[in-house]
């Protein structure tokens, strides 16, 4: 018994029993608004948010491709995400430049709201019968901010 007490008395801090902590994985999302929908973009794909930009029109493109713009010498196509979702275009839009698999794309959005850390397990799949191919999931935002749809960048860049 005495030997056992001595072991406990002389136990060093670095030898304390390990307490396993549950690690919750999460991602940062840039949340923007398009026609009263909150859409989240994985923040690792967001490059820049621009307010002033000049569009060069391209003929014979789908209606939702507005044209191209020059960002510091790099020519980047622009997509009006409102038109891609079947909504009417707006005059004053912000441009969110994203980089997905080394493909740059500018998307026009109504407004950028915030950047938020969202746990991976809170992202739910969209209903199977949903015809919306641009969305890969959805979740309820904290503090009563509503619902966020998760933008599927791969589908966004698909023809």
Protein backbone atom coordinates (compact mmCIF):
# COMPACT_ATOMS: atom_id res chain seq x y z
CA UNK A 1 0.00 0.00 0.00
CA UNK A 2 2.78 2.46 0.89
CA UNK A 3 4.48 1.93 -2.46
CA UNK A 4 1.23 2.73 -4.19
CA UNK A 5 0.81 5.97 -2.20
CA UNK A 6 4.37 7.00 -3.06
CA UNK A 7 3.68 6.48 -6.77
CA UNK A 8 0.65 8.73 -6.58
CA UNK A 9 2.50 11.37 -4.55
CA UNK A 10 5.40 11.54 -6.95
CA UNK A 11 3.46 11.35 -10.21
CA UNK A 12 4.67 14.07 -12.54
CA UNK A 13 2.25 16.32 -14.42
CA UNK A 14 3.41 15.07 -17.81
CA UNK A 15 2.48 11.54 -16.71
CA UNK A 16 -1.11 12.46 -15.83
CA UNK A 17 -3.74 10.18 -17.27
CA UNK A 18 -4.76 11.29 -20.74
CA UNK A 19 -8.18 12.79 -21.14
CA UNK A 20 -9.53 12.28 -24.62
CA UNK A 21 -11.23 15.33 -26.04
CA UNK A 22 -13.70 15.02 -28.85
CA UNK A 23 -12.43 16.99 -31.80
CA UNK A 24 -15.19 18.61 -33.78
CA UNK A 25 -14.18 19.28 -37.37
CA UNK A 26 -15.59 22.39 -38.96
CA UNK A 27 -15.10 24.61 -41.98
CA UNK A 28 -15.29 28.32 -42.54
CA UNK A 29 -17.99 29.44 -44.94
CA UNK A 30 -18.36 32.79 -46.67
CA UNK A 31 -22.10 33.42 -46.55
CA UNK A 32 -23.64 35.56 -49.27
CA UNK A 33 -27.20 36.41 -50.28
CA UNK A 34 -28.86 35.77 -53.62
CA UNK A 35 -32.58 36.65 -53.87
CA UNK A 36 -33.16 36.18 -50.12
CA UNK A 37 -31.31 32.84 -50.10
CA UNK A 38 -28.28 32.47 -47.86
CA UNK A 39 -25.63 30.52 -49.70
CA UNK A 40 -22.37 29.37 -48.13
CA UNK A 41 -19.15 29.01 -50.06
CA UNK A 42 -16.28 27.06 -48.48
CA UNK A 43 -13.98 29.94 -47.53
CA UNK A 44 -10.89 28.14 -48.83
CA UNK A 45 -12.22 28.75 -52.37
CA UNK A 46 -12.90 32.47 -51.89
CA UNK A 47 -10.12 34.62 -53.31
CA UNK A 48 -11.49 38.14 -53.24
CA UNK A 49 -14.66 40.23 -53.00
CA UNK A 50 -14.87 43.14 -55.43
CA UNK A 51 -17.27 46.05 -55.60
CA UNK A 52 -15.91 47.83 -58.67
CA UNK A 53 -15.26 45.78 -61.79
CA UNK A 54 -15.57 46.13 -65.55
CA UNK A 55 -17.24 43.40 -67.59
CA UNK A 56 -16.29 42.57 -71.17
CA UNK A 57 -19.24 40.92 -72.90
CA UNK A 58 -18.69 37.59 -74.67
CA UNK A 59 -21.05 36.57 -77.49
CA UNK A 60 -22.52 33.08 -77.87
CA UNK A 61 -22.31 32.19 -74.18
CA UNK A 62 -25.08 30.95 -71.88
CA UNK A 63 -27.19 33.83 -70.56
CA UNK A 64 -25.80 33.43 -67.02
CA UNK A 65 -22.20 34.03 -68.21
CA UNK A 66 -21.93 37.83 -68.10
CA UNK A 67 -18.55 37.97 -69.76
CA UNK A 68 -14.98 38.25 -68.51
CA UNK A 69 -13.05 40.70 -66.38
CA UNK A 70 -9.38 41.45 -65.89
CA UNK A 71 -8.13 40.97 -62.34
CA UNK A 72 -4.51 42.15 -62.22
CA UNK A 73 -3.70 40.69 -65.62
CA UNK A 74 -5.66 37.47 -65.21
CA UNK A 75 -8.78 37.04 -67.37
CA UNK A 76 -11.60 35.53 -65.33
CA UNK A 77 -15.08 34.53 -66.51
CA UNK A 78 -18.06 36.01 -64.66
CA UNK A 79 -21.29 34.25 -63.82
CA UNK A 80 -24.49 35.88 -62.63
CA UNK A 81 -25.59 33.32 -60.07
CA UNK A 82 -29.08 34.88 -60.00
CA UNK A 83 -29.55 34.04 -63.68
CA UNK A 84 -28.12 30.55 -63.10
CA UNK A 85 -30.78 30.05 -60.42
CA UNK A 86 -33.54 31.27 -62.76
CA UNK A 87 -33.95 34.70 -61.14
CA UNK A 88 -33.70 38.19 -62.61
CA UNK A 89 -30.33 39.93 -62.68
CA UNK A 90 -29.56 42.92 -60.42
CA UNK A 91 -27.76 46.11 -61.39
CA UNK A 92 -25.59 46.53 -58.28
CA UNK A 93 -23.96 43.23 -57.44
CA UNK A 94 -20.82 42.26 -55.61
CA UNK A 95 -18.32 40.04 -57.35
CA UNK A 96 -16.92 37.09 -55.40
CA UNK A 97 -13.87 35.61 -57.07
CA UNK A 98 -13.30 31.95 -56.32
CA UNK A 99 -10.63 29.43 -57.14
CA UNK A 100 -11.73 25.80 -57.31
CA UNK A 101 -9.20 23.22 -58.56
CA UNK A 102 -7.16 26.02 -60.15
CA UNK A 103 -10.21 27.29 -62.07
CA UNK A 104 -10.98 30.93 -61.38
CA UNK A 105 -14.54 32.20 -61.62
CA UNK A 106 -16.27 35.39 -60.57
CA UNK A 107 -19.83 35.08 -59.32
CA UNK A 108 -22.20 38.01 -58.94
CA UNK A 109 -24.09 38.02 -55.64
CA UNK A 110 -26.53 40.44 -54.01
CA UNK A 111 -24.56 40.88 -50.78
CA UNK A 112 -21.92 39.23 -48.62
CA UNK A 113 -23.10 38.76 -45.04
CA UNK A 114 -20.40 37.12 -42.94
CA UNK A 115 -17.84 34.37 -42.55
CA UNK A 116 -18.83 31.65 -40.13
CA UNK A 117 -17.28 28.46 -38.73
CA UNK A 118 -19.79 25.63 -39.20
CA UNK A 119 -19.32 22.10 -37.81
CA UNK A 120 -19.26 19.45 -40.55
CA UNK A 121 -21.90 17.33 -38.82
CA UNK A 122 -24.44 20.17 -38.97
CA UNK A 123 -24.42 20.11 -42.81
CA UNK A 124 -27.33 17.96 -43.99
CA UNK A 125 -27.79 16.56 -47.50
CA UNK A 126 -30.40 18.20 -49.70
CA UNK A 127 -33.55 16.23 -50.46
CA UNK A 128 -33.06 13.70 -53.28
CA UNK A 129 -36.00 15.03 -55.28
CA UNK A 130 -34.47 18.51 -55.37
CA UNK A 131 -33.74 19.70 -58.89
CA UNK A 132 -31.14 22.16 -57.62
CA UNK A 133 -27.76 20.89 -58.79
CA UNK A 134 -25.74 23.84 -57.50
CA UNK A 135 -26.32 22.96 -53.86
CA UNK A 136 -24.60 20.08 -52.05
CA UNK A 137 -26.09 20.52 -48.57
CA UNK A 138 -27.80 22.81 -46.12
CA UNK A 139 -27.77 23.72 -42.46
CA UNK A 140 -29.46 25.90 -39.89
CA UNK A 141 -27.31 28.86 -38.93
CA UNK A 142 -26.83 29.80 -35.28
CA UNK A 143 -28.40 32.85 -33.62
CA UNK A 144 -31.58 32.67 -35.72
CA UNK A 145 -29.86 33.67 -38.95
CA UNK A 146 -31.92 31.18 -40.96
CA UNK A 147 -30.90 28.40 -43.29
CA UNK A 148 -27.76 28.27 -45.42
CA UNK A 149 -27.45 26.33 -48.66
CA UNK A 150 -23.96 24.99 -49.39
CA UNK A 151 -22.72 25.95 -52.86
CA UNK A 152 -21.31 23.02 -54.83
CA UNK A 153 -18.38 24.61 -56.67
CA UNK A 154 -17.82 21.56 -58.84
CA UNK A 155 -21.38 21.79 -60.19
CA UNK A 156 -21.06 25.54 -60.53
CA UNK A 157 -18.19 25.06 -62.98
CA UNK A 158 -19.85 22.18 -64.84
CA UNK A 159 -21.29 23.00 -68.27
